[in-house]
């Protein structure tokens, strides 16, 4: 299996105001690259800057996945799929495999917009898999809960795509 390496970054709108500590804590509840890393913040000229620290960004994404099911092997060898929200600690400890799914835009809104007082944040990434394909993704979350996602992929070993999605919370 080949590897896609690239970068991931965060930008904020010009007059963005956030609870930086709470935002970083929420960001670090998701895995943004296959190589680990974490989000950190620092204050630069009265504005919070955000950085994803990682020795190398392998398969960076602006649309992380979350575990939706834990697969546990039974004594008879049968595999049992247990929804993540009802899995016990014993199920997680004895996990044979797991099933994941991209986080829905509504969940991003609920996770991050409470920490954005004014403006928006945008997480963006790009990667290149040995010139077989390249991709760009972005995720913009506004203080009002609106979320916009973009994904562009192209290359000889991919199906070219340009996908845009959005979520707007009910008023």
C-alpha atoms as a PDB file:
ATOM      1  CA  UNK A   1       0.000   0.000   0.000  1.00  0.00           C
ATOM      2  CA  UNK A   2       1.348   3.387  -0.947  1.00  0.00           C
ATOM      3  CA  UNK A   3       1.304   6.409   1.307  1.00  0.00           C
ATOM      4  CA  UNK A   4      -0.065   9.890   0.779  1.00  0.00           C
ATOM      5  CA  UNK A   5       1.893  12.639   2.489  1.00  0.00           C
ATOM      6  CA  UNK A   6       1.004  16.284   2.693  1.00  0.00           C
ATOM      7  CA  UNK A   7       0.100  18.993   5.133  1.00  0.00           C
ATOM      8  CA  UNK A   8      -2.770  20.186   7.282  1.00  0.00           C
ATOM      9  CA  UNK A   9      -3.389  23.684   8.569  1.00  0.00           C
ATOM     10  CA  UNK A  10      -5.987  25.935  10.143  1.00  0.00           C
ATOM     11  CA  UNK A  11      -6.920  29.467   9.196  1.00  0.00           C
ATOM     12  CA  UNK A  12      -9.380  31.813  10.879  1.00  0.00           C
ATOM     13  CA  UNK A  13     -11.404  34.715   9.573  1.00  0.00           C
ATOM     14  CA  UNK A  14      -9.870  38.161  10.072  1.00  0.00           C
ATOM     15  CA  UNK A  15     -11.838  39.070  13.195  1.00  0.00           C
ATOM     16  CA  UNK A  16     -12.364  35.540  14.477  1.00  0.00           C
ATOM     17  CA  UNK A  17     -12.794  35.133  18.242  1.00  0.00           C
ATOM     18  CA  UNK A  18     -12.562  31.651  19.747  1.00  0.00           C
ATOM     19  CA  UNK A  19     -12.125  29.888  23.054  1.00  0.00           C
ATOM     20  CA  UNK A  20      -8.773  28.499  21.932  1.00  0.00           C
ATOM     21  CA  UNK A  21      -8.247  26.006  24.777  1.00  0.00           C
ATOM     22  CA  UNK A  22     -11.724  24.490  24.365  1.00  0.00           C
ATOM     23  CA  UNK A  23     -11.394  24.407  20.566  1.00  0.00           C
ATOM     24  CA  UNK A  24      -8.040  22.589  20.701  1.00  0.00           C
ATOM     25  CA  UNK A  25      -9.476  20.082  23.173  1.00  0.00           C
ATOM     26  CA  UNK A  26     -12.414  19.404  20.815  1.00  0.00           C
ATOM     27  CA  UNK A  27     -10.111  19.177  17.771  1.00  0.00           C
ATOM     28  CA  UNK A  28      -7.936  16.609  19.516  1.00  0.00           C
ATOM     29  CA  UNK A  29     -10.933  14.296  19.988  1.00  0.00           C
ATOM     30  CA  UNK A  30     -10.567  13.382  16.305  1.00  0.00           C
ATOM     31  CA  UNK A  31      -7.682  11.946  14.286  1.00  0.00           C
ATOM     32  CA  UNK A  32      -6.722  14.335  11.465  1.00  0.00           C
ATOM     33  CA  UNK A  33      -3.845  12.246  10.017  1.00  0.00           C
ATOM     34  CA  UNK A  34      -2.912   8.562  10.033  1.00  0.00           C
ATOM     35  CA  UNK A  35       0.406   9.464  11.601  1.00  0.00           C
ATOM     36  CA  UNK A  36      -0.993  10.934  14.817  1.00  0.00           C
ATOM     37  CA  UNK A  37      -0.168  14.444  15.859  1.00  0.00           C
ATOM     38  CA  UNK A  38      -2.214  16.957  17.784  1.00  0.00           C
ATOM     39  CA  UNK A  39      -3.541  20.496  17.535  1.00  0.00           C
ATOM     40  CA  UNK A  40      -1.898  23.202  19.626  1.00  0.00           C
ATOM     41  CA  UNK A  41      -2.486  26.929  19.921  1.00  0.00           C
ATOM     42  CA  UNK A  42      -0.452  29.987  20.687  1.00  0.00           C
ATOM     43  CA  UNK A  43      -1.245  33.678  20.819  1.00  0.00           C
ATOM     44  CA  UNK A  44       0.351  35.794  18.088  1.00  0.00           C
ATOM     45  CA  UNK A  45      -0.303  39.545  18.090  1.00  0.00           C
ATOM     46  CA  UNK A  46      -3.570  39.228  20.063  1.00  0.00           C
ATOM     47  CA  UNK A  47      -4.878  36.489  17.752  1.00  0.00           C
ATOM     48  CA  UNK A  48      -4.842  32.761  18.382  1.00  0.00           C
ATOM     49  CA  UNK A  49      -2.837  30.681  15.899  1.00  0.00           C
ATOM     50  CA  UNK A  50      -3.464  26.955  15.556  1.00  0.00           C
ATOM     51  CA  UNK A  51      -0.956  24.316  14.452  1.00  0.00           C
ATOM     52  CA  UNK A  52      -1.216  20.602  13.851  1.00  0.00           C
ATOM     53  CA  UNK A  53       2.011  19.107  15.144  1.00  0.00           C
ATOM     54  CA  UNK A  54       3.054  15.950  13.367  1.00  0.00           C
ATOM     55  CA  UNK A  55       6.446  14.616  12.318  1.00  0.00           C
ATOM     56  CA  UNK A  56       4.967  13.934   8.878  1.00  0.00           C
ATOM     57  CA  UNK A  57       1.353  14.276   7.821  1.00  0.00           C
ATOM     58  CA  UNK A  58       0.347  10.896   6.411  1.00  0.00           C
ATOM     59  CA  UNK A  59      -3.120  10.837   4.817  1.00  0.00           C
ATOM     60  CA  UNK A  60      -4.169  14.206   6.268  1.00  0.00           C
ATOM     61  CA  UNK A  61      -7.893  14.885   6.161  1.00  0.00           C
ATOM     62  CA  UNK A  62     -10.314  17.700   6.847  1.00  0.00           C
ATOM     63  CA  UNK A  63     -13.081  15.086   7.221  1.00  0.00           C
ATOM     64  CA  UNK A  64     -11.927  12.630   9.896  1.00  0.00           C
ATOM     65  CA  UNK A  65     -13.782   9.424  10.532  1.00  0.00           C
ATOM     66  CA  UNK A  66     -15.218   8.155  13.796  1.00  0.00           C
ATOM     67  CA  UNK A  67     -15.729   4.607  14.990  1.00  0.00           C
ATOM     68  CA  UNK A  68     -19.355   3.592  14.546  1.00  0.00           C
ATOM     69  CA  UNK A  69     -19.025  -0.084  15.470  1.00  0.00           C
ATOM     70  CA  UNK A  70     -16.717  -2.360  17.412  1.00  0.00           C
ATOM     71  CA  UNK A  71     -16.220  -5.868  16.056  1.00  0.00           C
ATOM     72  CA  UNK A  72     -15.571  -8.520  18.696  1.00  0.00           C
ATOM     73  CA  UNK A  73     -14.694 -12.153  18.057  1.00  0.00           C
ATOM     74  CA  UNK A  74     -16.912 -14.567  19.981  1.00  0.00           C
ATOM     75  CA  UNK A  75     -15.625 -17.801  21.559  1.00  0.00           C
ATOM     76  CA  UNK A  76     -17.004 -19.784  18.598  1.00  0.00           C
ATOM     77  CA  UNK A  77     -15.042 -17.569  16.171  1.00  0.00           C
ATOM     78  CA  UNK A  78     -18.102 -15.654  14.996  1.00  0.00           C
ATOM     79  CA  UNK A  79     -17.614 -11.906  14.620  1.00  0.00           C
ATOM     80  CA  UNK A  80     -20.154  -9.711  16.415  1.00  0.00           C
ATOM     81  CA  UNK A  81     -20.638  -6.082  15.397  1.00  0.00           C
ATOM     82  CA  UNK A  82     -21.560  -3.804  18.327  1.00  0.00           C
ATOM     83  CA  UNK A  83     -22.595  -0.148  17.771  1.00  0.00           C
ATOM     84  CA  UNK A  84     -19.921   2.112  19.308  1.00  0.00           C
ATOM     85  CA  UNK A  85     -22.419   3.999  21.476  1.00  0.00           C
ATOM     86  CA  UNK A  86     -23.394   0.816  23.354  1.00  0.00           C
ATOM     87  CA  UNK A  87     -20.027  -0.982  23.336  1.00  0.00           C
ATOM     88  CA  UNK A  88     -18.692  -1.702  26.828  1.00  0.00           C
ATOM     89  CA  UNK A  89     -15.116  -1.095  27.927  1.00  0.00           C
ATOM     90  CA  UNK A  90     -14.632  -4.867  27.681  1.00  0.00           C
ATOM     91  CA  UNK A  91     -15.785  -4.731  24.031  1.00  0.00           C
ATOM     92  CA  UNK A  92     -13.267  -1.974  23.276  1.00  0.00           C
ATOM     93  CA  UNK A  93     -10.478  -3.824  25.113  1.00  0.00           C
ATOM     94  CA  UNK A  94     -11.158  -7.027  23.138  1.00  0.00           C
ATOM     95  CA  UNK A  95     -11.842  -5.359  19.800  1.00  0.00           C
ATOM     96  CA  UNK A  96     -11.013  -7.586  16.816  1.00  0.00           C
ATOM     97  CA  UNK A  97     -11.701  -4.802  14.317  1.00  0.00           C
ATOM     98  CA  UNK A  98     -13.821  -1.691  13.955  1.00  0.00           C
ATOM     99  CA  UNK A  99     -16.026   0.039  11.423  1.00  0.00           C
ATOM    100  CA  UNK A 100     -15.746   3.757  10.857  1.00  0.00           C
ATOM    101  CA  UNK A 101     -17.593   6.428   8.932  1.00  0.00           C
ATOM    102  CA  UNK A 102     -16.850  10.075   8.067  1.00  0.00           C
ATOM    103  CA  UNK A 103     -18.060  12.502  10.710  1.00  0.00           C
ATOM    104  CA  UNK A 104     -21.279  14.202   9.598  1.00  0.00           C
ATOM    105  CA  UNK A 105     -21.228  17.986   9.098  1.00  0.00           C
ATOM    106  CA  UNK A 106     -23.902  18.376  11.794  1.00  0.00           C
ATOM    107  CA  UNK A 107     -21.529  16.726  14.306  1.00  0.00           C
ATOM    108  CA  UNK A 108     -18.730  19.154  13.340  1.00  0.00           C
ATOM    109  CA  UNK A 109     -21.169  22.005  13.938  1.00  0.00           C
ATOM    110  CA  UNK A 110     -22.077  20.661  17.382  1.00  0.00           C
ATOM    111  CA  UNK A 111     -18.445  19.924  18.310  1.00  0.00           C
ATOM    112  CA  UNK A 112     -16.771  23.141  17.210  1.00  0.00           C
ATOM    113  CA  UNK A 113     -19.174  26.068  16.752  1.00  0.00           C
ATOM    114  CA  UNK A 114     -19.799  26.484  20.519  1.00  0.00           C
ATOM    115  CA  UNK A 115     -16.090  27.422  20.813  1.00  0.00           C
ATOM    116  CA  UNK A 116     -16.259  30.000  18.002  1.00  0.00           C
ATOM    117  CA  UNK A 117     -17.597  33.283  19.350  1.00  0.00           C
ATOM    118  CA  UNK A 118     -17.254  35.277  16.118  1.00  0.00           C
ATOM    119  CA  UNK A 119     -16.212  34.482  12.565  1.00  0.00           C
ATOM    120  CA  UNK A 120     -15.070  31.092  11.284  1.00  0.00           C
ATOM    121  CA  UNK A 121     -12.249  28.564  11.369  1.00  0.00           C
ATOM    122  CA  UNK A 122     -11.092  26.537   8.382  1.00  0.00           C
ATOM    123  CA  UNK A 123      -9.111  23.321   8.431  1.00  0.00           C
ATOM    124  CA  UNK A 124      -7.502  22.491   5.094  1.00  0.00           C
ATOM    125  CA  UNK A 125      -5.168  19.794   3.859  1.00  0.00           C
ATOM    126  CA  UNK A 126      -3.564  18.487   0.707  1.00  0.00           C
ATOM    127  CA  UNK A 127      -1.588  15.367  -0.105  1.00  0.00           C
ATOM    128  CA  UNK A 128       0.149  13.567  -2.949  1.00  0.00           C
ATOM    129  CA  UNK A 129       0.296   9.799  -3.231  1.00  0.00           C
ATOM    130  CA  UNK A 130       3.466   9.216  -5.293  1.00  0.00           C
ATOM    131  CA  UNK A 131       2.048  11.203  -8.205  1.00  0.00           C
ATOM    132  CA  UNK A 132      -0.756   8.657  -8.596  1.00  0.00           C
ATOM    133  CA  UNK A 133      -3.275  11.121  -7.206  1.00  0.00           C
ATOM    134  CA  UNK A 134      -3.469  14.389  -5.346  1.00  0.00           C
ATOM    135  CA  UNK A 135      -6.222  15.763  -3.153  1.00  0.00           C
ATOM    136  CA  UNK A 136      -7.333  18.886  -1.346  1.00  0.00           C
ATOM    137  CA  UNK A 137      -9.945  19.091   1.421  1.00  0.00           C
ATOM    138  CA  UNK A 138     -11.300  21.951   3.505  1.00  0.00           C
ATOM    139  CA  UNK A 139     -13.769  22.259   6.346  1.00  0.00           C
ATOM    140  CA  UNK A 140     -15.058  25.688   7.391  1.00  0.00           C
ATOM    141  CA  UNK A 141     -17.063  26.044  10.602  1.00  0.00           C
ATOM    142  CA  UNK A 142     -18.837  29.313  11.416  1.00  0.00           C
ATOM    143  CA  UNK A 143     -19.850  30.689  14.823  1.00  0.00           C
ATOM    144  CA  UNK A 144     -23.523  30.325  13.823  1.00  0.00           C
ATOM    145  CA  UNK A 145     -23.056  26.568  13.296  1.00  0.00           C
ATOM    146  CA  UNK A 146     -22.908  26.601   9.495  1.00  0.00           C
ATOM    147  CA  UNK A 147     -20.375  24.103   8.114  1.00  0.00           C
ATOM    148  CA  UNK A 148     -18.963  23.964   4.577  1.00  0.00           C
ATOM    149  CA  UNK A 149     -16.860  21.122   3.210  1.00  0.00           C
ATOM    150  CA  UNK A 150     -14.907  20.862  -0.053  1.00  0.00           C
ATOM    151  CA  UNK A 151     -12.975  17.960  -1.523  1.00  0.00           C
ATOM    152  CA  UNK A 152     -11.079  17.800  -4.798  1.00  0.00           C
ATOM    153  CA  UNK A 153      -9.211  14.710  -5.985  1.00  0.00           C
ATOM    154  CA  UNK A 154      -7.525  13.978  -9.290  1.00  0.00           C
ATOM    155  CA  UNK A 155      -4.971  11.635 -10.737  1.00  0.00           C
ATOM    156  CA  UNK A 156      -4.355   8.535 -12.754  1.00  0.00           C
ATOM    157  CA  UNK A 157      -5.214   6.202  -9.852  1.00  0.00           C
ATOM    158  CA  UNK A 158      -8.399   7.949  -8.709  1.00  0.00           C
ATOM    159  CA  UNK A 159     -11.780   8.964  -9.942  1.00  0.00           C
ATOM    160  CA  UNK A 160     -11.572  12.744 -10.344  1.00  0.00           C
ATOM    161  CA  UNK A 161     -14.076  14.481  -8.083  1.00  0.00           C
ATOM    162  CA  UNK A 162     -15.016  17.957  -6.909  1.00  0.00           C
ATOM    163  CA  UNK A 163     -17.455  17.660  -4.002  1.00  0.00           C
ATOM    164  CA  UNK A 164     -19.012  20.454  -1.963  1.00  0.00           C
ATOM    165  CA  UNK A 165     -21.353  19.933   0.997  1.00  0.00           C
ATOM    166  CA  UNK A 166     -22.862  22.245   3.573  1.00  0.00           C
ATOM    167  CA  UNK A 167     -24.884  22.113   6.765  1.00  0.00           C
ATOM    168  CA  UNK A 168     -26.933  24.974   8.185  1.00  0.00           C
ATOM    169  CA  UNK A 169     -28.523  24.500  11.604  1.00  0.00           C
ATOM    170  CA  UNK A 170     -32.211  25.190  12.029  1.00  0.00           C
ATOM    171  CA  UNK A 171     -32.884  28.717  13.282  1.00  0.00           C
END
